[in-house]
Amino acid sequence: MKVKELMERIGTNQTGRAIAYIKDGLEELNTISETHINTERIDLTEDQRFYSLPNDVIKVLQIRCKNHLNDKDEYRAIPRLIYEPRVVDADGT
């Protein structure tokens, strides 16, 4: 289906607005269906809590760390925190 056909179906003649709605809908579908999944590797630094993420990140599915709760050089998922952390960072945050 072309943009013109879609515009006729929804009854609008504003091309820019229709294209913006199409892009918004495609991005929302992408967040729901998780079709474009990329793996990003970031080196961890001791005593660092915050890291910068790439600009195109929509959703973080899982964070895995090598030797987390094991000594077999395996990658394991780090569980999410539900409550505030009990250990306070050095910078007080």
PDB file of N, CA and C in Angstrom:
ATOM      1  N   MET A   1       0.846  -1.171   0.000  1.00  0.00           N
ATOM      2  CA  MET A   1       0.000   0.000   0.000  1.00  0.00           C
ATOM      3  C   MET A   1       0.891   1.233   0.000  1.00  0.00           C
ATOM      4  N   LYS A   2       0.524   2.172  -0.808  1.00  0.00           N
ATOM      5  CA  LYS A   2       1.287   3.409  -0.905  1.00  0.00           C
ATOM      6  C   LYS A   2       0.696   4.455   0.036  1.00  0.00           C
ATOM      7  N   VAL A   3       1.476   5.489   0.285  1.00  0.00           N
ATOM      8  CA  VAL A   3       1.041   6.547   1.189  1.00  0.00           C
ATOM      9  C   VAL A   3      -0.230   7.204   0.667  1.00  0.00           C
ATOM     10  N   LYS A   4      -0.309   7.406  -0.628  1.00  0.00           N
ATOM     11  CA  LYS A   4      -1.488   8.045  -1.218  1.00  0.00           C
ATOM     12  C   LYS A   4      -2.742   7.209  -0.971  1.00  0.00           C
ATOM     13  N   GLU A   5      -2.631   5.886  -1.118  1.00  0.00           N
ATOM     14  CA  GLU A   5      -3.774   5.001  -0.879  1.00  0.00           C
ATOM     15  C   GLU A   5      -4.196   5.057   0.587  1.00  0.00           C
ATOM     16  N   LEU A   6      -3.220   5.080   1.476  1.00  0.00           N
ATOM     17  CA  LEU A   6      -3.527   5.158   2.906  1.00  0.00           C
ATOM     18  C   LEU A   6      -4.204   6.482   3.238  1.00  0.00           C
ATOM     19  N   MET A   7      -3.718   7.563   2.646  1.00  0.00           N
ATOM     20  CA  MET A   7      -4.324   8.875   2.882  1.00  0.00           C
ATOM     21  C   MET A   7      -5.773   8.904   2.394  1.00  0.00           C
ATOM     22  N   GLU A   8      -6.057   8.255   1.268  1.00  0.00           N
ATOM     23  CA  GLU A   8      -7.435   8.198   0.770  1.00  0.00           C
ATOM     24  C   GLU A   8      -8.324   7.411   1.715  1.00  0.00           C
ATOM     25  N   ARG A   9      -7.805   6.328   2.272  1.00  0.00           N
ATOM     26  CA  ARG A   9      -8.602   5.507   3.199  1.00  0.00           C
ATOM     27  C   ARG A   9      -8.932   6.233   4.494  1.00  0.00           C
ATOM     28  N   ILE A  10      -7.989   7.010   5.011  1.00  0.00           N
ATOM     29  CA  ILE A  10      -8.249   7.688   6.281  1.00  0.00           C
ATOM     30  C   ILE A  10      -8.847   9.077   6.077  1.00  0.00           C
ATOM     31  N   GLY A  11      -8.923   9.528   4.843  1.00  0.00           N
ATOM     32  CA  GLY A  11      -9.589  10.777   4.536  1.00  0.00           C
ATOM     33  C   GLY A  11      -8.801  12.025   4.885  1.00  0.00           C
ATOM     34  N   THR A  12      -7.527  12.055   4.548  1.00  0.00           N
ATOM     35  CA  THR A  12      -6.710  13.238   4.800  1.00  0.00           C
ATOM     36  C   THR A  12      -5.951  13.610   3.534  1.00  0.00           C
ATOM     37  N   ASN A  13      -5.556  14.872   3.466  1.00  0.00           N
ATOM     38  CA  ASN A  13      -4.760  15.309   2.328  1.00  0.00           C
ATOM     39  C   ASN A  13      -3.429  15.918   2.779  1.00  0.00           C
ATOM     40  N   GLN A  14      -3.068  15.718   4.032  1.00  0.00           N
ATOM     41  CA  GLN A  14      -1.813  16.237   4.584  1.00  0.00           C
ATOM     42  C   GLN A  14      -0.762  15.130   4.552  1.00  0.00           C
ATOM     43  N   THR A  15       0.113  15.190   3.558  1.00  0.00           N
ATOM     44  CA  THR A  15       1.110  14.143   3.357  1.00  0.00           C
ATOM     45  C   THR A  15       2.092  14.059   4.523  1.00  0.00           C
ATOM     46  N   GLY A  16       2.574  15.201   4.981  1.00  0.00           N
ATOM     47  CA  GLY A  16       3.551  15.198   6.076  1.00  0.00           C
ATOM     48  C   GLY A  16       3.012  14.564   7.339  1.00  0.00           C
ATOM     49  N   ARG A  17       1.780  14.895   7.676  1.00  0.00           N
ATOM     50  CA  ARG A  17       1.166  14.318   8.881  1.00  0.00           C
ATOM     51  C   ARG A  17       0.957  12.815   8.722  1.00  0.00           C
ATOM     52  N   ALA A  18       0.539  12.375   7.545  1.00  0.00           N
ATOM     53  CA  ALA A  18       0.331  10.942   7.305  1.00  0.00           C
ATOM     54  C   ALA A  18       1.642  10.176   7.430  1.00  0.00           C
ATOM     55  N   ILE A  19       2.714  10.728   6.867  1.00  0.00           N
ATOM     56  CA  ILE A  19       4.011  10.057   6.956  1.00  0.00           C
ATOM     57  C   ILE A  19       4.491  10.005   8.409  1.00  0.00           C
ATOM     58  N   ALA A  20       4.275  11.064   9.162  1.00  0.00           N
ATOM     59  CA  ALA A  20       4.659  11.070  10.581  1.00  0.00           C
ATOM     60  C   ALA A  20       3.898  10.000  11.349  1.00  0.00           C
ATOM     61  N   TYR A  21       2.593   9.863  11.068  1.00  0.00           N
ATOM     62  CA  TYR A  21       1.805   8.824  11.732  1.00  0.00           C
ATOM     63  C   TYR A  21       2.280   7.430  11.342  1.00  0.00           C
ATOM     64  N   ILE A  22       2.641   7.246  10.087  1.00  0.00           N
ATOM     65  CA  ILE A  22       3.146   5.942   9.642  1.00  0.00           C
ATOM     66  C   ILE A  22       4.444   5.603  10.363  1.00  0.00           C
ATOM     67  N   LYS A  23       5.357   6.564  10.469  1.00  0.00           N
ATOM     68  CA  LYS A  23       6.626   6.321  11.162  1.00  0.00           C
ATOM     69  C   LYS A  23       6.406   6.018  12.635  1.00  0.00           C
ATOM     70  N   ASP A  24       5.492   6.768  13.276  1.00  0.00           N
ATOM     71  CA  ASP A  24       5.180   6.498  14.684  1.00  0.00           C
ATOM     72  C   ASP A  24       4.606   5.094  14.865  1.00  0.00           C
ATOM     73  N   GLY A  25       3.726   4.706  13.956  1.00  0.00           N
ATOM     74  CA  GLY A  25       3.135   3.372  14.050  1.00  0.00           C
ATOM     75  C   GLY A  25       4.154   2.269  13.855  1.00  0.00           C
ATOM     76  N   LEU A  26       5.070   2.453  12.905  1.00  0.00           N
ATOM     77  CA  LEU A  26       6.108   1.451  12.685  1.00  0.00           C
ATOM     78  C   LEU A  26       7.035   1.326  13.886  1.00  0.00           C
ATOM     79  N   GLU A  27       7.369   2.458  14.500  1.00  0.00           N
ATOM     80  CA  GLU A  27       8.228   2.393  15.682  1.00  0.00           C
ATOM     81  C   GLU A  27       7.514   1.716  16.844  1.00  0.00           C
ATOM     82  N   GLU A  28       6.215   1.979  16.996  1.00  0.00           N
ATOM     83  CA  GLU A  28       5.464   1.326  18.067  1.00  0.00           C
ATOM     84  C   GLU A  28       5.357  -0.179  17.818  1.00  0.00           C
ATOM     85  N   LEU A  29       5.148  -0.573  16.578  1.00  0.00           N
ATOM     86  CA  LEU A  29       5.131  -2.002  16.256  1.00  0.00           C
ATOM     87  C   LEU A  29       6.477  -2.650  16.563  1.00  0.00           C
ATOM     88  N   ASN A  30       7.548  -1.926  16.304  1.00  0.00           N
ATOM     89  CA  ASN A  30       8.883  -2.451  16.569  1.00  0.00           C
ATOM     90  C   ASN A  30       9.100  -2.666  18.068  1.00  0.00           C
ATOM     91  N   THR A  31       8.582  -1.784  18.899  1.00  0.00           N
ATOM     92  CA  THR A  31       8.758  -1.962  20.345  1.00  0.00           C
ATOM     93  C   THR A  31       7.942  -3.133  20.867  1.00  0.00           C
ATOM     94  N   ILE A  32       6.808  -3.410  20.235  1.00  0.00           N
ATOM     95  CA  ILE A  32       5.955  -4.516  20.687  1.00  0.00           C
ATOM     96  C   ILE A  32       6.483  -5.861  20.196  1.00  0.00           C
ATOM     97  N   SER A  33       6.864  -5.937  18.929  1.00  0.00           N
ATOM     98  CA  SER A  33       7.204  -7.230  18.338  1.00  0.00           C
ATOM     99  C   SER A  33       8.677  -7.598  18.459  1.00  0.00           C
ATOM    100  N   GLU A  34       9.539  -6.638  18.774  1.00  0.00           N
ATOM    101  CA  GLU A  34      10.967  -6.886  18.954  1.00  0.00           C
ATOM    102  C   GLU A  34      11.581  -7.609  17.752  1.00  0.00           C
ATOM    103  N   THR A  35      11.406  -7.030  16.575  1.00  0.00           N
ATOM    104  CA  THR A  35      11.928  -7.657  15.363  1.00  0.00           C
ATOM    105  C   THR A  35      13.375  -7.284  15.090  1.00  0.00           C
ATOM    106  N   HIS A  36      13.791  -6.124  15.495  1.00  0.00           N
ATOM    107  CA  HIS A  36      15.153  -5.660  15.230  1.00  0.00           C
ATOM    108  C   HIS A  36      15.924  -5.645  16.550  1.00  0.00           C
ATOM    109  N   ILE A  37      16.470  -6.777  16.928  1.00  0.00           N
ATOM    110  CA  ILE A  37      17.194  -6.892  18.187  1.00  0.00           C
ATOM    111  C   ILE A  37      18.684  -6.902  17.883  1.00  0.00           C
ATOM    112  N   ASN A  38      19.402  -6.005  18.496  1.00  0.00           N
ATOM    113  CA  ASN A  38      20.853  -5.942  18.349  1.00  0.00           C
ATOM    114  C   ASN A  38      21.505  -6.216  19.686  1.00  0.00           C
ATOM    115  N   THR A  39      22.661  -6.832  19.642  1.00  0.00           N
ATOM    116  CA  THR A  39      23.430  -7.078  20.852  1.00  0.00           C
ATOM    117  C   THR A  39      24.537  -6.045  20.926  1.00  0.00           C
ATOM    118  N   GLU A  40      24.622  -5.386  22.038  1.00  0.00           N
ATOM    119  CA  GLU A  40      25.649  -4.361  22.255  1.00  0.00           C
ATOM    120  C   GLU A  40      26.498  -4.801  23.434  1.00  0.00           C
ATOM    121  N   ARG A  41      27.787  -4.734  23.286  1.00  0.00           N
ATOM    122  CA  ARG A  41      28.696  -5.098  24.369  1.00  0.00           C
ATOM    123  C   ARG A  41      29.387  -3.843  24.883  1.00  0.00           C
ATOM    124  N   ILE A  42      29.303  -3.661  26.191  1.00  0.00           N
ATOM    125  CA  ILE A  42      29.923  -2.517  26.852  1.00  0.00           C
ATOM    126  C   ILE A  42      30.787  -3.055  27.975  1.00  0.00           C
ATOM    127  N   ASP A  43      32.033  -2.628  28.030  1.00  0.00           N
ATOM    128  CA  ASP A  43      32.921  -3.060  29.101  1.00  0.00           C
ATOM    129  C   ASP A  43      32.510  -2.385  30.407  1.00  0.00           C
ATOM    130  N   LEU A  44      32.472  -3.187  31.468  1.00  0.00           N
ATOM    131  CA  LEU A  44      32.119  -2.656  32.775  1.00  0.00           C
ATOM    132  C   LEU A  44      33.356  -2.126  33.480  1.00  0.00           C
ATOM    133  N   THR A  45      33.161  -1.077  34.249  1.00  0.00           N
ATOM    134  CA  THR A  45      34.232  -0.476  35.024  1.00  0.00           C
ATOM    135  C   THR A  45      33.881  -0.613  36.496  1.00  0.00           C
ATOM    136  N   GLU A  46      34.856  -0.980  37.283  1.00  0.00           N
ATOM    137  CA  GLU A  46      34.627  -1.161  38.707  1.00  0.00           C
ATOM    138  C   GLU A  46      34.165   0.142  39.351  1.00  0.00           C
ATOM    139  N   ASP A  47      33.167   0.046  40.216  1.00  0.00           N
ATOM    140  CA  ASP A  47      32.589   1.161  40.965  1.00  0.00           C
ATOM    141  C   ASP A  47      31.927   2.202  40.063  1.00  0.00           C
ATOM    142  N   GLN A  48      31.533   1.834  38.864  1.00  0.00           N
ATOM    143  CA  GLN A  48      30.785   2.741  38.001  1.00  0.00           C
ATOM    144  C   GLN A  48      29.370   2.205  37.864  1.00  0.00           C
ATOM    145  N   ARG A  49      28.393   3.052  38.130  1.00  0.00           N
ATOM    146  CA  ARG A  49      27.006   2.615  38.108  1.00  0.00           C
ATOM    147  C   ARG A  49      26.276   3.012  36.826  1.00  0.00           C
ATOM    148  N   PHE A  50      26.563   4.171  36.292  1.00  0.00           N
ATOM    149  CA  PHE A  50      25.848   4.668  35.127  1.00  0.00           C
ATOM    150  C   PHE A  50      26.724   4.574  33.884  1.00  0.00           C
ATOM    151  N   TYR A  51      26.121   4.149  32.784  1.00  0.00           N
ATOM    152  CA  TYR A  51      26.810   4.009  31.505  1.00  0.00           C
ATOM    153  C   TYR A  51      25.983   4.698  30.434  1.00  0.00           C
ATOM    154  N   SER A  52      26.645   5.203  29.414  1.00  0.00           N
ATOM    155  CA  SER A  52      25.916   5.804  28.303  1.00  0.00           C
ATOM    156  C   SER A  52      25.535   4.707  27.315  1.00  0.00           C
ATOM    157  N   LEU A  53      24.318   4.796  26.804  1.00  0.00           N
ATOM    158  CA  LEU A  53      23.809   3.822  25.857  1.00  0.00           C
ATOM    159  C   LEU A  53      23.730   4.457  24.476  1.00  0.00           C
ATOM    160  N   PRO A  54      23.737   3.654  23.412  1.00  0.00           N
ATOM    161  CA  PRO A  54      23.600   4.208  22.066  1.00  0.00           C
ATOM    162  C   PRO A  54      22.271   4.948  21.910  1.00  0.00           C
ATOM    163  N   ASN A  55      22.226   5.918  21.007  1.00  0.00           N
ATOM    164  CA  ASN A  55      21.035   6.747  20.830  1.00  0.00           C
ATOM    165  C   ASN A  55      19.844   5.989  20.264  1.00  0.00           C
ATOM    166  N   ASP A  56      20.075   4.882  19.557  1.00  0.00           N
ATOM    167  CA  ASP A  56      18.973   4.160  18.935  1.00  0.00           C
ATOM    168  C   ASP A  56      18.362   3.084  19.828  1.00  0.00           C
ATOM    169  N   VAL A  57      18.725   3.060  21.107  1.00  0.00           N
ATOM    170  CA  VAL A  57      18.167   2.067  22.030  1.00  0.00           C
ATOM    171  C   VAL A  57      16.722   2.431  22.351  1.00  0.00           C
ATOM    172  N   ILE A  58      15.835   1.465  22.182  1.00  0.00           N
ATOM    173  CA  ILE A  58      14.435   1.660  22.523  1.00  0.00           C
ATOM    174  C   ILE A  58      14.113   0.937  23.828  1.00  0.00           C
ATOM    175  N   LYS A  59      14.677  -0.253  23.990  1.00  0.00           N
ATOM    176  CA  LYS A  59      14.339  -1.079  25.143  1.00  0.00           C
ATOM    177  C   LYS A  59      15.521  -1.991  25.458  1.00  0.00           C
ATOM    178  N   VAL A  60      15.863  -2.108  26.725  1.00  0.00           N
ATOM    179  CA  VAL A  60      16.919  -3.017  27.161  1.00  0.00           C
ATOM    180  C   VAL A  60      16.239  -4.300  27.626  1.00  0.00           C
ATOM    181  N   LEU A  61      16.545  -5.397  26.958  1.00  0.00           N
ATOM    182  CA  LEU A  61      15.902  -6.662  27.283  1.00  0.00           C
ATOM    183  C   LEU A  61      16.592  -7.389  28.422  1.00  0.00           C
ATOM    184  N   GLN A  62      17.926  -7.378  28.411  1.00  0.00           N
ATOM    185  CA  GLN A  62      18.651  -8.148  29.408  1.00  0.00           C
ATOM    186  C   GLN A  62      20.069  -7.612  29.527  1.00  0.00           C
ATOM    187  N   ILE A  63      20.579  -7.650  30.738  1.00  0.00           N
ATOM    188  CA  ILE A  63      21.981  -7.301  30.975  1.00  0.00           C
ATOM    189  C   ILE A  63      22.649  -8.543  31.537  1.00  0.00           C
ATOM    190  N   ARG A  64      23.736  -8.957  30.880  1.00  0.00           N
ATOM    191  CA  ARG A  64      24.431 -10.167  31.301  1.00  0.00           C
ATOM    192  C   ARG A  64      25.861  -9.819  31.664  1.00  0.00           C
ATOM    193  N   CYS A  65      26.402 -10.555  32.618  1.00  0.00           N
ATOM    194  CA  CYS A  65      27.751 -10.293  33.113  1.00  0.00           C
ATOM    195  C   CYS A  65      28.489 -11.623  33.241  1.00  0.00           C
ATOM    196  N   LYS A  66      29.744 -11.613  32.848  1.00  0.00           N
ATOM    197  CA  LYS A  66      30.559 -12.819  32.934  1.00  0.00           C
ATOM    198  C   LYS A  66      30.983 -13.038  34.387  1.00  0.00           C
ATOM    199  N   ASN A  67      30.939 -14.279  34.838  1.00  0.00           N
ATOM    200  CA  ASN A  67      31.312 -14.693  36.197  1.00  0.00           C
ATOM    201  C   ASN A  67      30.405 -14.092  37.263  1.00  0.00           C
ATOM    202  N   HIS A  68      29.163 -13.795  36.941  1.00  0.00           N
ATOM    203  CA  HIS A  68      28.205 -13.298  37.931  1.00  0.00           C
ATOM    204  C   HIS A  68      27.583 -14.506  38.619  1.00  0.00           C
ATOM    205  N   LEU A  69      27.861 -14.659  39.895  1.00  0.00           N
ATOM    206  CA  LEU A  69      27.385 -15.778  40.717  1.00  0.00           C
ATOM    207  C   LEU A  69      27.890 -17.133  40.207  1.00  0.00           C
ATOM    208  N   ASN A  70      29.038 -17.141  39.521  1.00  0.00           N
ATOM    209  CA  ASN A  70      29.654 -18.397  39.115  1.00  0.00           C
ATOM    210  C   ASN A  70      31.136 -18.144  38.866  1.00  0.00           C
ATOM    211  N   ASP A  71      31.904 -19.224  38.765  1.00  0.00           N
ATOM    212  CA  ASP A  71      33.331 -19.090  38.469  1.00  0.00           C
ATOM    213  C   ASP A  71      33.706 -19.942  37.256  1.00  0.00           C
ATOM    214  N   LYS A  72      32.751 -20.155  36.349  1.00  0.00           N
ATOM    215  CA  LYS A  72      32.966 -21.001  35.180  1.00  0.00           C
ATOM    216  C   LYS A  72      33.093 -20.185  33.893  1.00  0.00           C
ATOM    217  N   ASP A  73      33.353 -18.907  33.997  1.00  0.00           N
ATOM    218  CA  ASP A  73      33.426 -18.011  32.843  1.00  0.00           C
ATOM    219  C   ASP A  73      32.137 -18.031  32.020  1.00  0.00           C
ATOM    220  N   GLU A  74      31.003 -18.132  32.702  1.00  0.00           N
ATOM    221  CA  GLU A  74      29.704 -18.111  32.035  1.00  0.00           C
ATOM    222  C   GLU A  74      29.083 -16.726  32.176  1.00  0.00           C
ATOM    223  N   TYR A  75      28.273 -16.365  31.185  1.00  0.00           N
ATOM    224  CA  TYR A  75      27.504 -15.122  31.266  1.00  0.00           C
ATOM    225  C   TYR A  75      26.161 -15.430  31.904  1.00  0.00           C
ATOM    226  N   ARG A  76      25.792 -14.643  32.892  1.00  0.00           N
ATOM    227  CA  ARG A  76      24.506 -14.802  33.566  1.00  0.00           C
ATOM    228  C   ARG A  76      23.804 -13.452  33.624  1.00  0.00           C
ATOM    229  N   ALA A  77      22.494 -13.494  33.615  1.00  0.00           N
ATOM    230  CA  ALA A  77      21.705 -12.267  33.663  1.00  0.00           C
ATOM    231  C   ALA A  77      21.777 -11.640  35.053  1.00  0.00           C
ATOM    232  N   ILE A  78      21.878 -10.336  35.071  1.00  0.00           N
ATOM    233  CA  ILE A  78      21.847  -9.587  36.328  1.00  0.00           C
ATOM    234  C   ILE A  78      20.385  -9.241  36.586  1.00  0.00           C
ATOM    235  N   PRO A  79      19.827  -9.634  37.728  1.00  0.00           N
ATOM    236  CA  PRO A  79      18.403  -9.362  37.977  1.00  0.00           C
ATOM    237  C   PRO A  79      18.136  -7.872  38.172  1.00  0.00           C
ATOM    238  N   ARG A  80      16.923  -7.466  37.820  1.00  0.00           N
ATOM    239  CA  ARG A  80      16.517  -6.081  38.006  1.00  0.00           C
ATOM    240  C   ARG A  80      16.186  -5.833  39.464  1.00  0.00           C
ATOM    241  N   LEU A  81      16.407  -4.608  39.904  1.00  0.00           N
ATOM    242  CA  LEU A  81      16.027  -4.217  41.255  1.00  0.00           C
ATOM    243  C   LEU A  81      14.578  -3.754  41.264  1.00  0.00           C
ATOM    244  N   ILE A  82      13.835  -4.212  42.236  1.00  0.00           N
ATOM    245  CA  ILE A  82      12.456  -3.762  42.387  1.00  0.00           C
ATOM    246  C   ILE A  82      12.412  -2.564  43.333  1.00  0.00           C
ATOM    247  N   TYR A  83      13.234  -2.604  44.362  1.00  0.00           N
ATOM    248  CA  TYR A  83      13.259  -1.546  45.365  1.00  0.00           C
ATOM    249  C   TYR A  83      14.529  -0.722  45.216  1.00  0.00           C
ATOM    250  N   GLU A  84      14.638   0.328  45.989  1.00  0.00           N
ATOM    251  CA  GLU A  84      15.847   1.147  45.990  1.00  0.00           C
ATOM    252  C   GLU A  84      17.028   0.294  46.443  1.00  0.00           C
ATOM    253  N   PRO A  85      18.229   0.522  45.898  1.00  0.00           N
ATOM    254  CA  PRO A  85      19.398  -0.269  46.313  1.00  0.00           C
ATOM    255  C   PRO A  85      19.744  -0.025  47.777  1.00  0.00           C
ATOM    256  N   ARG A  86      20.151  -1.094  48.446  1.00  0.00           N
ATOM    257  CA  ARG A  86      20.532  -0.973  49.856  1.00  0.00           C
ATOM    258  C   ARG A  86      21.909  -0.368  50.020  1.00  0.00           C
ATOM    259  N   VAL A  87      22.783  -0.579  49.044  1.00  0.00           N
ATOM    260  CA  VAL A  87      24.145  -0.065  49.114  1.00  0.00           C
ATOM    261  C   VAL A  87      24.163   1.296  48.424  1.00  0.00           C
ATOM    262  N   VAL A  88      24.662   2.299  49.127  1.00  0.00           N
ATOM    263  CA  VAL A  88      24.718   3.643  48.575  1.00  0.00           C
ATOM    264  C   VAL A  88      26.005   3.804  47.799  1.00  0.00           C
ATOM    265  N   ASP A  89      25.914   4.447  46.630  1.00  0.00           N
ATOM    266  CA  ASP A  89      27.103   4.703  45.824  1.00  0.00           C
ATOM    267  C   ASP A  89      28.010   5.718  46.506  1.00  0.00           C
ATOM    268  N   ALA A  90      29.246   5.747  46.077  1.00  0.00           N
ATOM    269  CA  ALA A  90      30.207   6.684  46.645  1.00  0.00           C
ATOM    270  C   ALA A  90      29.806   8.127  46.393  1.00  0.00           C
ATOM    271  N   ASP A  91      29.134   8.363  45.255  1.00  0.00           N
ATOM    272  CA  ASP A  91      28.736   9.739  44.957  1.00  0.00           C
ATOM    273  C   ASP A  91      27.398  10.119  45.583  1.00  0.00           C
ATOM    274  N   GLY A  92      26.789   9.192  46.355  1.00  0.00           N
ATOM    275  CA  GLY A  92      25.589   9.494  47.103  1.00  0.00           C
ATOM    276  C   GLY A  92      24.300   9.318  46.325  1.00  0.00           C
ATOM    277  N   THR A  93      24.360   8.760  45.108  1.00  0.00           N
ATOM    278  CA  THR A  93      23.135   8.561  44.342  1.00  0.00           C
ATOM    279  C   THR A  93      22.689   7.125  44.354  1.00  0.00           C
TER     280      THR A  93
END
